């Protein structure tokens, strides 16, 4: 649960909502082949027998803004710098438009590369 305090009160948004919002925005970017689970997400996925909704996404608060960590798989042969820049811009815009909350930082970790056919 993300909890932000302001002069008008408290804003609480579920981790699942952020995971779905951020994961969808990142997955739609050209060159992204998918998301990668963290070890704890992998254990939950194995226990549940299905993908976890927050696969590859971690959102936390820092100094009144959001810090978003993404673990992605990219398509081999693509310009990684361009892919990451596109993801950062799209995720920041999507989250700020959907929630009105400030995104302080978007960290993108490229964990794997895949060929387009795989």
PDB file of N, CA and C in Angstrom:
ATOM      1  N   UNK A   1       0.850  -1.176   0.000  1.00  0.00           N
ATOM      2  CA  UNK A   1       0.000   0.000   0.000  1.00  0.00           C
ATOM      3  C   UNK A   1       0.895   1.239   0.000  1.00  0.00           C
ATOM      4  N   UNK A   2       0.643   2.140  -0.931  1.00  0.00           N
ATOM      5  CA  UNK A   2       1.357   3.405  -0.994  1.00  0.00           C
ATOM      6  C   UNK A   2       0.514   4.431  -0.251  1.00  0.00           C
ATOM      7  N   UNK A   3       1.125   5.103   0.723  1.00  0.00           N
ATOM      8  CA  UNK A   3       0.418   6.074   1.542  1.00  0.00           C
ATOM      9  C   UNK A   3       1.140   7.413   1.428  1.00  0.00           C
ATOM     10  N   UNK A   4       0.452   8.429   0.913  1.00  0.00           N
ATOM     11  CA  UNK A   4       1.013   9.769   0.764  1.00  0.00           C
ATOM     12  C   UNK A   4       0.179  10.729   1.610  1.00  0.00           C
ATOM     13  N   UNK A   5       0.848  11.496   2.462  1.00  0.00           N
ATOM     14  CA  UNK A   5       0.166  12.497   3.293  1.00  0.00           C
ATOM     15  C   UNK A   5       0.323  13.866   2.640  1.00  0.00           C
ATOM     16  N   UNK A   6      -0.767  14.638   2.609  1.00  0.00           N
ATOM     17  CA  UNK A   6      -0.686  16.030   2.171  1.00  0.00           C
ATOM     18  C   UNK A   6      -1.561  16.881   3.074  1.00  0.00           C
ATOM     19  N   UNK A   7      -1.670  18.192   2.760  1.00  0.00           N
ATOM     20  CA  UNK A   7      -2.420  19.099   3.632  1.00  0.00           C
ATOM     21  C   UNK A   7      -3.916  18.790   3.684  1.00  0.00           C
ATOM     22  N   UNK A   8      -4.419  18.075   2.691  1.00  0.00           N
ATOM     23  CA  UNK A   8      -5.839  17.744   2.652  1.00  0.00           C
ATOM     24  C   UNK A   8      -6.175  16.409   3.310  1.00  0.00           C
ATOM     25  N   UNK A   9      -5.167  15.598   3.557  1.00  0.00           N
ATOM     26  CA  UNK A   9      -5.411  14.297   4.170  1.00  0.00           C
ATOM     27  C   UNK A   9      -4.437  13.243   3.689  1.00  0.00           C
ATOM     28  N   UNK A  10      -4.899  12.018   3.614  1.00  0.00           N
ATOM     29  CA  UNK A  10      -4.059  10.877   3.269  1.00  0.00           C
ATOM     30  C   UNK A  10      -4.564  10.225   1.980  1.00  0.00           C
ATOM     31  N   UNK A  11      -3.613   9.820   1.131  1.00  0.00           N
ATOM     32  CA  UNK A  11      -3.944   9.109  -0.096  1.00  0.00           C
ATOM     33  C   UNK A  11      -3.357   7.710   0.017  1.00  0.00           C
ATOM     34  N   UNK A  12      -4.207   6.699  -0.149  1.00  0.00           N
ATOM     35  CA  UNK A  12      -3.750   5.312  -0.112  1.00  0.00           C
ATOM     36  C   UNK A  12      -4.105   4.637  -1.429  1.00  0.00           C
ATOM     37  N   UNK A  13      -3.078   4.086  -2.091  1.00  0.00           N
ATOM     38  CA  UNK A  13      -3.283   3.378  -3.355  1.00  0.00           C
ATOM     39  C   UNK A  13      -2.616   2.023  -3.221  1.00  0.00           C
ATOM     40  N   UNK A  14      -3.306   0.984  -3.641  1.00  0.00           N
ATOM     41  CA  UNK A  14      -2.791  -0.370  -3.456  1.00  0.00           C
ATOM     42  C   UNK A  14      -1.584  -0.652  -4.346  1.00  0.00           C
ATOM     43  N   UNK A  15      -0.723  -1.507  -3.863  1.00  0.00           N
ATOM     44  CA  UNK A  15       0.462  -1.932  -4.606  1.00  0.00           C
ATOM     45  C   UNK A  15       0.051  -2.635  -5.903  1.00  0.00           C
ATOM     46  N   UNK A  16      -1.038  -3.381  -5.862  1.00  0.00           N
ATOM     47  CA  UNK A  16      -1.518  -4.098  -7.047  1.00  0.00           C
ATOM     48  C   UNK A  16      -1.931  -3.133  -8.157  1.00  0.00           C
ATOM     49  N   UNK A  17      -2.586  -2.032  -7.787  1.00  0.00           N
ATOM     50  CA  UNK A  17      -2.976  -1.034  -8.780  1.00  0.00           C
ATOM     51  C   UNK A  17      -1.735  -0.459  -9.467  1.00  0.00           C
ATOM     52  N   UNK A  18      -0.740  -0.062  -8.667  1.00  0.00           N
ATOM     53  CA  UNK A  18       0.488   0.481  -9.236  1.00  0.00           C
ATOM     54  C   UNK A  18       1.204  -0.546 -10.106  1.00  0.00           C
ATOM     55  N   UNK A  19       1.248  -1.775  -9.645  1.00  0.00           N
ATOM     56  CA  UNK A  19       1.927  -2.825 -10.412  1.00  0.00           C
ATOM     57  C   UNK A  19       1.264  -3.015 -11.772  1.00  0.00           C
ATOM     58  N   UNK A  20      -0.049  -3.057 -11.802  1.00  0.00           N
ATOM     59  CA  UNK A  20      -0.766  -3.208 -13.069  1.00  0.00           C
ATOM     60  C   UNK A  20      -0.573  -1.990 -13.969  1.00  0.00           C
ATOM     61  N   UNK A  21      -0.681  -0.795 -13.403  1.00  0.00           N
ATOM     62  CA  UNK A  21      -0.522   0.443 -14.162  1.00  0.00           C
ATOM     63  C   UNK A  21       0.885   0.554 -14.758  1.00  0.00           C
ATOM     64  N   UNK A  22       1.890   0.371 -13.926  1.00  0.00           N
ATOM     65  CA  UNK A  22       3.282   0.504 -14.362  1.00  0.00           C
ATOM     66  C   UNK A  22       3.669  -0.633 -15.304  1.00  0.00           C
ATOM     67  N   UNK A  23       3.287  -1.861 -14.964  1.00  0.00           N
ATOM     68  CA  UNK A  23       3.626  -3.008 -15.813  1.00  0.00           C
ATOM     69  C   UNK A  23       3.031  -2.891 -17.207  1.00  0.00           C
ATOM     70  N   UNK A  24       1.792  -2.432 -17.290  1.00  0.00           N
ATOM     71  CA  UNK A  24       1.139  -2.269 -18.594  1.00  0.00           C
ATOM     72  C   UNK A  24       1.830  -1.181 -19.402  1.00  0.00           C
ATOM     73  N   UNK A  25       2.148  -0.060 -18.771  1.00  0.00           N
ATOM     74  CA  UNK A  25       2.815   1.041 -19.470  1.00  0.00           C
ATOM     75  C   UNK A  25       4.191   0.609 -19.980  1.00  0.00           C
ATOM     76  N   UNK A  26       4.948  -0.091 -19.164  1.00  0.00           N
ATOM     77  CA  UNK A  26       6.290  -0.522 -19.567  1.00  0.00           C
ATOM     78  C   UNK A  26       6.227  -1.594 -20.654  1.00  0.00           C
ATOM     79  N   UNK A  27       5.287  -2.520 -20.542  1.00  0.00           N
ATOM     80  CA  UNK A  27       5.168  -3.613 -21.505  1.00  0.00           C
ATOM     81  C   UNK A  27       4.792  -3.125 -22.900  1.00  0.00           C
ATOM     82  N   UNK A  28       4.086  -1.996 -22.973  1.00  0.00           N
ATOM     83  CA  UNK A  28       3.656  -1.460 -24.258  1.00  0.00           C
ATOM     84  C   UNK A  28       4.776  -0.750 -25.026  1.00  0.00           C
ATOM     85  N   UNK A  29       5.898  -0.495 -24.372  1.00  0.00           N
ATOM     86  CA  UNK A  29       7.000   0.206 -25.034  1.00  0.00           C
ATOM     87  C   UNK A  29       7.692  -0.713 -26.031  1.00  0.00           C
ATOM     88  N   UNK A  30       8.068  -0.153 -27.165  1.00  0.00           N
ATOM     89  CA  UNK A  30       8.732  -0.906 -28.226  1.00  0.00           C
ATOM     90  C   UNK A  30      10.055  -1.467 -27.717  1.00  0.00           C
ATOM     91  N   UNK A  31      10.295  -2.747 -27.980  1.00  0.00           N
ATOM     92  CA  UNK A  31      11.542  -3.399 -27.597  1.00  0.00           C
ATOM     93  C   UNK A  31      11.488  -4.160 -26.289  1.00  0.00           C
ATOM     94  N   UNK A  32      10.390  -4.017 -25.540  1.00  0.00           N
ATOM     95  CA  UNK A  32      10.253  -4.734 -24.264  1.00  0.00           C
ATOM     96  C   UNK A  32       9.613  -6.089 -24.536  1.00  0.00           C
ATOM     97  N   UNK A  33      10.334  -7.154 -24.188  1.00  0.00           N
ATOM     98  CA  UNK A  33       9.828  -8.506 -24.420  1.00  0.00           C
ATOM     99  C   UNK A  33       9.022  -9.024 -23.231  1.00  0.00           C
ATOM    100  N   UNK A  34       9.179  -8.396 -22.069  1.00  0.00           N
ATOM    101  CA  UNK A  34       8.428  -8.824 -20.896  1.00  0.00           C
ATOM    102  C   UNK A  34       9.025  -8.283 -19.623  1.00  0.00           C
ATOM    103  N   UNK A  35       8.485  -8.745 -18.515  1.00  0.00           N
ATOM    104  CA  UNK A  35       8.934  -8.334 -17.192  1.00  0.00           C
ATOM    105  C   UNK A  35       9.564  -9.538 -16.506  1.00  0.00           C
ATOM    106  N   UNK A  36      10.467  -9.278 -15.555  1.00  0.00           N
ATOM    107  CA  UNK A  36      11.168 -10.340 -14.835  1.00  0.00           C
ATOM    108  C   UNK A  36      10.784 -10.282 -13.368  1.00  0.00           C
ATOM    109  N   UNK A  37      10.444 -11.420 -12.800  1.00  0.00           N
ATOM    110  CA  UNK A  37      10.085 -11.497 -11.381  1.00  0.00           C
ATOM    111  C   UNK A  37      11.317 -11.394 -10.504  1.00  0.00           C
ATOM    112  N   UNK A  38      11.156 -10.737  -9.358  1.00  0.00           N
ATOM    113  CA  UNK A  38      12.198 -10.764  -8.335  1.00  0.00           C
ATOM    114  C   UNK A  38      12.138 -12.134  -7.667  1.00  0.00           C
ATOM    115  N   UNK A  39      13.160 -12.518  -6.885  1.00  0.00           N
ATOM    116  CA  UNK A  39      13.114 -13.839  -6.232  1.00  0.00           C
ATOM    117  C   UNK A  39      11.872 -14.058  -5.365  1.00  0.00           C
ATOM    118  N   UNK A  40      11.446 -13.025  -4.613  1.00  0.00           N
ATOM    119  CA  UNK A  40      10.250 -13.203  -3.767  1.00  0.00           C
ATOM    120  C   UNK A  40       8.992 -13.333  -4.628  1.00  0.00           C
ATOM    121  N   UNK A  41       8.940 -12.607  -5.738  1.00  0.00           N
ATOM    122  CA  UNK A  41       7.799 -12.723  -6.642  1.00  0.00           C
ATOM    123  C   UNK A  41       7.789 -14.100  -7.297  1.00  0.00           C
ATOM    124  N   UNK A  42       8.970 -14.638  -7.593  1.00  0.00           N
ATOM    125  CA  UNK A  42       9.067 -15.973  -8.173  1.00  0.00           C
ATOM    126  C   UNK A  42       8.539 -17.040  -7.229  1.00  0.00           C
ATOM    127  N   UNK A  43       8.826 -16.904  -5.941  1.00  0.00           N
ATOM    128  CA  UNK A  43       8.319 -17.856  -4.942  1.00  0.00           C
ATOM    129  C   UNK A  43       6.802 -17.768  -4.817  1.00  0.00           C
ATOM    130  N   UNK A  44       6.273 -16.528  -4.800  1.00  0.00           N
ATOM    131  CA  UNK A  44       4.813 -16.364  -4.734  1.00  0.00           C
ATOM    132  C   UNK A  44       4.148 -16.931  -5.977  1.00  0.00           C
ATOM    133  N   UNK A  45       4.771 -16.714  -7.128  1.00  0.00           N
ATOM    134  CA  UNK A  45       4.229 -17.215  -8.390  1.00  0.00           C
ATOM    135  C   UNK A  45       4.179 -18.738  -8.379  1.00  0.00           C
ATOM    136  N   UNK A  46       5.247 -19.370  -7.881  1.00  0.00           N
ATOM    137  CA  UNK A  46       5.293 -20.828  -7.820  1.00  0.00           C
ATOM    138  C   UNK A  46       4.253 -21.359  -6.829  1.00  0.00           C
ATOM    139  N   UNK A  47       4.088 -20.672  -5.699  1.00  0.00           N
ATOM    140  CA  UNK A  47       3.127 -21.111  -4.690  1.00  0.00           C
ATOM    141  C   UNK A  47       1.687 -20.971  -5.187  1.00  0.00           C
ATOM    142  N   UNK A  48       1.416 -19.890  -5.925  1.00  0.00           N
ATOM    143  CA  UNK A  48       0.059 -19.655  -6.427  1.00  0.00           C
ATOM    144  C   UNK A  48      -0.226 -20.414  -7.717  1.00  0.00           C
ATOM    145  N   UNK A  49       0.826 -20.811  -8.425  1.00  0.00           N
ATOM    146  CA  UNK A  49       0.655 -21.530  -9.680  1.00  0.00           C
ATOM    147  C   UNK A  49       0.292 -20.633 -10.850  1.00  0.00           C
ATOM    148  N   UNK A  50       0.517 -19.313 -10.700  1.00  0.00           N
ATOM    149  CA  UNK A  50       0.236 -18.366 -11.781  1.00  0.00           C
ATOM    150  C   UNK A  50       1.135 -17.144 -11.610  1.00  0.00           C
ATOM    151  N   UNK A  51       1.157 -16.276 -12.625  1.00  0.00           N
ATOM    152  CA  UNK A  51       1.944 -15.055 -12.537  1.00  0.00           C
ATOM    153  C   UNK A  51       1.378 -14.130 -11.469  1.00  0.00           C
ATOM    154  N   UNK A  52       2.277 -13.432 -10.764  1.00  0.00           N
ATOM    155  CA  UNK A  52       1.847 -12.444  -9.779  1.00  0.00           C
ATOM    156  C   UNK A  52       1.582 -11.129 -10.502  1.00  0.00           C
ATOM    157  N   UNK A  53       0.613 -10.344 -10.035  1.00  0.00           N
ATOM    158  CA  UNK A  53       0.275  -9.110 -10.745  1.00  0.00           C
ATOM    159  C   UNK A  53       1.391  -8.066 -10.724  1.00  0.00           C
ATOM    160  N   UNK A  54       2.259  -8.105  -9.715  1.00  0.00           N
ATOM    161  CA  UNK A  54       3.325  -7.113  -9.609  1.00  0.00           C
ATOM    162  C   UNK A  54       4.658  -7.598 -10.184  1.00  0.00           C
ATOM    163  N   UNK A  55       4.589  -8.491 -11.147  1.00  0.00           N
ATOM    164  CA  UNK A  55       5.784  -9.093 -11.738  1.00  0.00           C
ATOM    165  C   UNK A  55       6.735  -8.020 -12.280  1.00  0.00           C
ATOM    166  N   UNK A  56       7.945  -7.958 -11.708  1.00  0.00           N
ATOM    167  CA  UNK A  56       8.961  -7.044 -12.192  1.00  0.00           C
ATOM    168  C   UNK A  56       8.792  -5.601 -11.781  1.00  0.00           C
ATOM    169  N   UNK A  57       7.846  -5.293 -10.903  1.00  0.00           N
ATOM    170  CA  UNK A  57       7.563  -3.907 -10.521  1.00  0.00           C
ATOM    171  C   UNK A  57       7.666  -3.751  -9.010  1.00  0.00           C
ATOM    172  N   UNK A  58       8.346  -2.688  -8.582  1.00  0.00           N
ATOM    173  CA  UNK A  58       8.364  -2.340  -7.161  1.00  0.00           C
ATOM    174  C   UNK A  58       8.165  -0.834  -7.059  1.00  0.00           C
ATOM    175  N   UNK A  59       7.195  -0.398  -6.272  1.00  0.00           N
ATOM    176  CA  UNK A  59       6.901   1.019  -6.088  1.00  0.00           C
ATOM    177  C   UNK A  59       7.017   1.330  -4.602  1.00  0.00           C
ATOM    178  N   UNK A  60       7.730   2.415  -4.298  1.00  0.00           N
ATOM    179  CA  UNK A  60       7.854   2.841  -2.909  1.00  0.00           C
ATOM    180  C   UNK A  60       7.865   4.370  -2.865  1.00  0.00           C
ATOM    181  N   UNK A  61       7.647   4.941  -1.681  1.00  0.00           N
ATOM    182  CA  UNK A  61       7.662   6.391  -1.538  1.00  0.00           C
ATOM    183  C   UNK A  61       9.003   6.840  -0.992  1.00  0.00           C
ATOM    184  N   UNK A  62       9.400   8.047  -1.402  1.00  0.00           N
ATOM    185  CA  UNK A  62      10.655   8.630  -0.922  1.00  0.00           C
ATOM    186  C   UNK A  62      10.525  10.147  -0.991  1.00  0.00           C
ATOM    187  N   UNK A  63      10.495  10.789   0.151  1.00  0.00           N
ATOM    188  CA  UNK A  63      10.430  12.242   0.196  1.00  0.00           C
ATOM    189  C   UNK A  63       9.194  12.822  -0.466  1.00  0.00           C
ATOM    190  N   UNK A  64       8.051  12.169  -0.351  1.00  0.00           N
ATOM    191  CA  UNK A  64       6.826  12.679  -0.927  1.00  0.00           C
ATOM    192  C   UNK A  64       6.612  12.309  -2.386  1.00  0.00           C
ATOM    193  N   UNK A  65       7.603  11.685  -3.024  1.00  0.00           N
ATOM    194  CA  UNK A  65       7.459  11.239  -4.405  1.00  0.00           C
ATOM    195  C   UNK A  65       7.553   9.725  -4.477  1.00  0.00           C
ATOM    196  N   UNK A  66       7.268   9.196  -5.643  1.00  0.00           N
ATOM    197  CA  UNK A  66       7.328   7.750  -5.850  1.00  0.00           C
ATOM    198  C   UNK A  66       8.646   7.364  -6.511  1.00  0.00           C
ATOM    199  N   UNK A  67       9.184   6.243  -6.087  1.00  0.00           N
ATOM    200  CA  UNK A  67      10.355   5.646  -6.730  1.00  0.00           C
ATOM    201  C   UNK A  67       9.897   4.300  -7.273  1.00  0.00           C
ATOM    202  N   UNK A  68      10.082   4.110  -8.584  1.00  0.00           N
ATOM    203  CA  UNK A  68       9.607   2.908  -9.264  1.00  0.00           C
ATOM    204  C   UNK A  68      10.795   2.127  -9.793  1.00  0.00           C
ATOM    205  N   UNK A  69      10.866   0.845  -9.439  1.00  0.00           N
ATOM    206  CA  UNK A  69      11.896  -0.064  -9.956  1.00  0.00           C
ATOM    207  C   UNK A  69      11.235  -1.048 -10.903  1.00  0.00           C
ATOM    208  N   UNK A  70      11.807  -1.190 -12.098  1.00  0.00           N
ATOM    209  CA  UNK A  70      11.295  -2.120 -13.101  1.00  0.00           C
ATOM    210  C   UNK A  70      12.390  -3.082 -13.515  1.00  0.00           C
ATOM    211  N   UNK A  71      12.057  -4.356 -13.600  1.00  0.00           N
ATOM    212  CA  UNK A  71      12.980  -5.381 -14.090  1.00  0.00           C
ATOM    213  C   UNK A  71      12.384  -5.921 -15.386  1.00  0.00           C
ATOM    214  N   UNK A  72      13.121  -5.710 -16.499  1.00  0.00           N
ATOM    215  CA  UNK A  72      12.552  -6.017 -17.812  1.00  0.00           C
ATOM    216  C   UNK A  72      13.428  -6.976 -18.618  1.00  0.00           C
ATOM    217  N   UNK A  73      12.811  -7.517 -19.667  1.00  0.00           N
ATOM    218  CA  UNK A  73      13.483  -8.319 -20.685  1.00  0.00           C
ATOM    219  C   UNK A  73      13.373  -7.520 -21.979  1.00  0.00           C
ATOM    220  N   UNK A  74      14.503  -7.333 -22.681  1.00  0.00           N
ATOM    221  CA  UNK A  74      14.476  -6.588 -23.938  1.00  0.00           C
ATOM    222  C   UNK A  74      14.718  -7.522 -25.119  1.00  0.00           C
ATOM    223  N   UNK A  75      14.318  -7.056 -26.295  1.00  0.00           N
ATOM    224  CA  UNK A  75      14.529  -7.801 -27.530  1.00  0.00           C
ATOM    225  C   UNK A  75      15.971  -7.597 -27.965  1.00  0.00           C
ATOM    226  N   UNK A  76      16.655  -8.690 -28.283  1.00  0.00           N
ATOM    227  CA  UNK A  76      18.056  -8.642 -28.710  1.00  0.00           C
ATOM    228  C   UNK A  76      18.209  -7.778 -29.960  1.00  0.00           C
ATOM    229  N   UNK A  77      19.244  -6.962 -29.985  1.00  0.00           N
ATOM    230  CA  UNK A  77      19.555  -6.135 -31.141  1.00  0.00           C
ATOM    231  C   UNK A  77      18.946  -4.751 -31.089  1.00  0.00           C
ATOM    232  N   UNK A  78      18.138  -4.473 -30.087  1.00  0.00           N
ATOM    233  CA  UNK A  78      17.507  -3.157 -29.964  1.00  0.00           C
ATOM    234  C   UNK A  78      18.427  -2.219 -29.179  1.00  0.00           C
ATOM    235  N   UNK A  79      18.259  -0.934 -29.373  1.00  0.00           N
ATOM    236  CA  UNK A  79      19.018   0.080 -28.656  1.00  0.00           C
ATOM    237  C   UNK A  79      18.476   0.171 -27.229  1.00  0.00           C
ATOM    238  N   UNK A  80      19.225  -0.347 -26.278  1.00  0.00           N
ATOM    239  CA  UNK A  80      18.762  -0.419 -24.890  1.00  0.00           C
ATOM    240  C   UNK A  80      18.553   0.974 -24.308  1.00  0.00           C
ATOM    241  N   UNK A  81      19.429   1.895 -24.625  1.00  0.00           N
ATOM    242  CA  UNK A  81      19.301   3.257 -24.121  1.00  0.00           C
ATOM    243  C   UNK A  81      17.980   3.896 -24.561  1.00  0.00           C
ATOM    244  N   UNK A  82      17.622   3.706 -25.825  1.00  0.00           N
ATOM    245  CA  UNK A  82      16.362   4.261 -26.341  1.00  0.00           C
ATOM    246  C   UNK A  82      15.162   3.589 -25.688  1.00  0.00           C
ATOM    247  N   UNK A  83      15.236   2.282 -25.482  1.00  0.00           N
ATOM    248  CA  UNK A  83      14.137   1.549 -24.837  1.00  0.00           C
ATOM    249  C   UNK A  83      13.932   2.069 -23.416  1.00  0.00           C
ATOM    250  N   UNK A  84      15.023   2.198 -22.667  1.00  0.00           N
ATOM    251  CA  UNK A  84      14.937   2.637 -21.274  1.00  0.00           C
ATOM    252  C   UNK A  84      14.404   4.070 -21.195  1.00  0.00           C
ATOM    253  N   UNK A  85      14.879   4.948 -22.056  1.00  0.00           N
ATOM    254  CA  UNK A  85      14.399   6.337 -22.061  1.00  0.00           C
ATOM    255  C   UNK A  85      12.892   6.380 -22.348  1.00  0.00           C
ATOM    256  N   UNK A  86      12.440   5.562 -23.284  1.00  0.00           N
ATOM    257  CA  UNK A  86      11.021   5.485 -23.614  1.00  0.00           C
ATOM    258  C   UNK A  86      10.205   4.991 -22.424  1.00  0.00           C
ATOM    259  N   UNK A  87      10.702   3.965 -21.743  1.00  0.00           N
ATOM    260  CA  UNK A  87      10.013   3.411 -20.572  1.00  0.00           C
ATOM    261  C   UNK A  87       9.908   4.449 -19.465  1.00  0.00           C
ATOM    262  N   UNK A  88      11.010   5.118 -19.172  1.00  0.00           N
ATOM    263  CA  UNK A  88      11.021   6.119 -18.095  1.00  0.00           C
ATOM    264  C   UNK A  88       9.993   7.212 -18.376  1.00  0.00           C
ATOM    265  N   UNK A  89       9.991   7.727 -19.604  1.00  0.00           N
ATOM    266  CA  UNK A  89       9.051   8.797 -19.952  1.00  0.00           C
ATOM    267  C   UNK A  89       7.598   8.319 -19.889  1.00  0.00           C
ATOM    268  N   UNK A  90       7.328   7.141 -20.449  1.00  0.00           N
ATOM    269  CA  UNK A  90       5.946   6.637 -20.489  1.00  0.00           C
ATOM    270  C   UNK A  90       5.431   6.297 -19.089  1.00  0.00           C
ATOM    271  N   UNK A  91       6.251   5.636 -18.276  1.00  0.00           N
ATOM    272  CA  UNK A  91       5.830   5.262 -16.920  1.00  0.00           C
ATOM    273  C   UNK A  91       5.595   6.519 -16.083  1.00  0.00           C
ATOM    274  N   UNK A  92       6.519   7.480 -16.138  1.00  0.00           N
ATOM    275  CA  UNK A  92       6.353   8.719 -15.369  1.00  0.00           C
ATOM    276  C   UNK A  92       5.055   9.429 -15.778  1.00  0.00           C
ATOM    277  N   UNK A  93       4.825   9.592 -17.077  1.00  0.00           N
ATOM    278  CA  UNK A  93       3.632  10.273 -17.568  1.00  0.00           C
ATOM    279  C   UNK A  93       2.362   9.520 -17.156  1.00  0.00           C
ATOM    280  N   UNK A  94       2.349   8.209 -17.347  1.00  0.00           N
ATOM    281  CA  UNK A  94       1.171   7.397 -17.037  1.00  0.00           C
ATOM    282  C   UNK A  94       0.809   7.469 -15.562  1.00  0.00           C
ATOM    283  N   UNK A  95       1.790   7.308 -14.686  1.00  0.00           N
ATOM    284  CA  UNK A  95       1.528   7.326 -13.241  1.00  0.00           C
ATOM    285  C   UNK A  95       1.078   8.710 -12.791  1.00  0.00           C
ATOM    286  N   UNK A  96       1.749   9.760 -13.274  1.00  0.00           N
ATOM    287  CA  UNK A  96       1.376  11.106 -12.852  1.00  0.00           C
ATOM    288  C   UNK A  96      -0.019  11.492 -13.354  1.00  0.00           C
ATOM    289  N   UNK A  97      -0.377  11.057 -14.560  1.00  0.00           N
ATOM    290  CA  UNK A  97      -1.715  11.359 -15.084  1.00  0.00           C
ATOM    291  C   UNK A  97      -2.803  10.565 -14.366  1.00  0.00           C
ATOM    292  N   UNK A  98      -2.522   9.307 -14.048  1.00  0.00           N
ATOM    293  CA  UNK A  98      -3.536   8.440 -13.432  1.00  0.00           C
ATOM    294  C   UNK A  98      -3.741   8.735 -11.949  1.00  0.00           C
ATOM    295  N   UNK A  99      -2.676   9.143 -11.255  1.00  0.00           N
ATOM    296  CA  UNK A  99      -2.773   9.287  -9.804  1.00  0.00           C
ATOM    297  C   UNK A  99      -2.607  10.715  -9.303  1.00  0.00           C
ATOM    298  N   UNK A 100      -1.962  11.574 -10.095  1.00  0.00           N
ATOM    299  CA  UNK A 100      -1.680  12.932  -9.636  1.00  0.00           C
ATOM    300  C   UNK A 100      -0.502  13.000  -8.683  1.00  0.00           C
ATOM    301  N   UNK A 101       0.160  11.865  -8.457  1.00  0.00           N
ATOM    302  CA  UNK A 101       1.316  11.827  -7.560  1.00  0.00           C
ATOM    303  C   UNK A 101       2.597  12.066  -8.347  1.00  0.00           C
ATOM    304  N   UNK A 102       3.570  12.704  -7.713  1.00  0.00           N
ATOM    305  CA  UNK A 102       4.852  13.001  -8.344  1.00  0.00           C
ATOM    306  C   UNK A 102       5.735  11.754  -8.373  1.00  0.00           C
ATOM    307  N   UNK A 103       6.325  11.468  -9.527  1.00  0.00           N
ATOM    308  CA  UNK A 103       7.270  10.360  -9.660  1.00  0.00           C
ATOM    309  C   UNK A 103       8.677  10.940  -9.549  1.00  0.00           C
ATOM    310  N   UNK A 104       9.363  10.612  -8.465  1.00  0.00           N
ATOM    311  CA  UNK A 104      10.698  11.149  -8.232  1.00  0.00           C
ATOM    312  C   UNK A 104      11.734  10.459  -9.105  1.00  0.00           C
ATOM    313  N   UNK A 105      11.582   9.146  -9.294  1.00  0.00           N
ATOM    314  CA  UNK A 105      12.605   8.397 -10.012  1.00  0.00           C
ATOM    315  C   UNK A 105      12.030   7.111 -10.579  1.00  0.00           C
ATOM    316  N   UNK A 106      12.488   6.747 -11.780  1.00  0.00           N
ATOM    317  CA  UNK A 106      12.146   5.460 -12.380  1.00  0.00           C
ATOM    318  C   UNK A 106      13.465   4.746 -12.674  1.00  0.00           C
ATOM    319  N   UNK A 107      13.690   3.635 -11.994  1.00  0.00           N
ATOM    320  CA  UNK A 107      14.888   2.826 -12.206  1.00  0.00           C
ATOM    321  C   UNK A 107      14.517   1.637 -13.076  1.00  0.00           C
ATOM    322  N   UNK A 108      15.231   1.462 -14.193  1.00  0.00           N
ATOM    323  CA  UNK A 108      14.960   0.351 -15.101  1.00  0.00           C
ATOM    324  C   UNK A 108      16.170  -0.576 -15.094  1.00  0.00           C
ATOM    325  N   UNK A 109      15.937  -1.845 -14.778  1.00  0.00           N
ATOM    326  CA  UNK A 109      16.978  -2.860 -14.760  1.00  0.00           C
ATOM    327  C   UNK A 109      16.722  -3.844 -15.898  1.00  0.00           C
ATOM    328  N   UNK A 110      17.678  -3.938 -16.813  1.00  0.00           N
ATOM    329  CA  UNK A 110      17.553  -4.900 -17.916  1.00  0.00           C
ATOM    330  C   UNK A 110      18.179  -6.204 -17.431  1.00  0.00           C
ATOM    331  N   UNK A 111      17.342  -7.193 -17.146  1.00  0.00           N
ATOM    332  CA  UNK A 111      17.801  -8.459 -16.574  1.00  0.00           C
ATOM    333  C   UNK A 111      18.052  -9.539 -17.613  1.00  0.00           C
ATOM    334  N   UNK A 112      17.392  -9.452 -18.757  1.00  0.00           N
ATOM    335  CA  UNK A 112      17.536 -10.494 -19.784  1.00  0.00           C
ATOM    336  C   UNK A 112      17.392  -9.890 -21.176  1.00  0.00           C
ATOM    337  N   UNK A 113      17.857 -10.659 -22.159  1.00  0.00           N
ATOM    338  CA  UNK A 113      17.634 -10.331 -23.568  1.00  0.00           C
ATOM    339  C   UNK A 113      17.069 -11.570 -24.234  1.00  0.00           C
ATOM    340  N   UNK A 114      16.132 -11.377 -25.145  1.00  0.00           N
ATOM    341  CA  UNK A 114      15.537 -12.489 -25.873  1.00  0.00           C
ATOM    342  C   UNK A 114      15.506 -12.155 -27.360  1.00  0.00           C
ATOM    343  N   UNK A 115      15.577 -13.184 -28.176  1.00  0.00           N
ATOM    344  CA  UNK A 115      15.357 -12.970 -29.599  1.00  0.00           C
ATOM    345  C   UNK A 115      13.865 -12.797 -29.813  1.00  0.00           C
ATOM    346  N   UNK A 116      13.470 -12.202 -30.911  1.00  0.00           N
ATOM    347  CA  UNK A 116      12.047 -11.954 -31.149  1.00  0.00           C
ATOM    348  C   UNK A 116      11.249 -13.247 -31.239  1.00  0.00           C
ATOM    349  N   UNK A 117      11.866 -14.313 -31.716  1.00  0.00           N
ATOM    350  CA  UNK A 117      11.157 -15.584 -31.899  1.00  0.00           C
ATOM    351  C   UNK A 117      11.000 -16.365 -30.615  1.00  0.00           C
ATOM    352  N   UNK A 118      11.850 -16.090 -29.623  1.00  0.00           N
ATOM    353  CA  UNK A 118      11.825 -16.896 -28.394  1.00  0.00           C
ATOM    354  C   UNK A 118      10.786 -16.426 -27.426  1.00  0.00           C
TER     355      UNK A 118
END
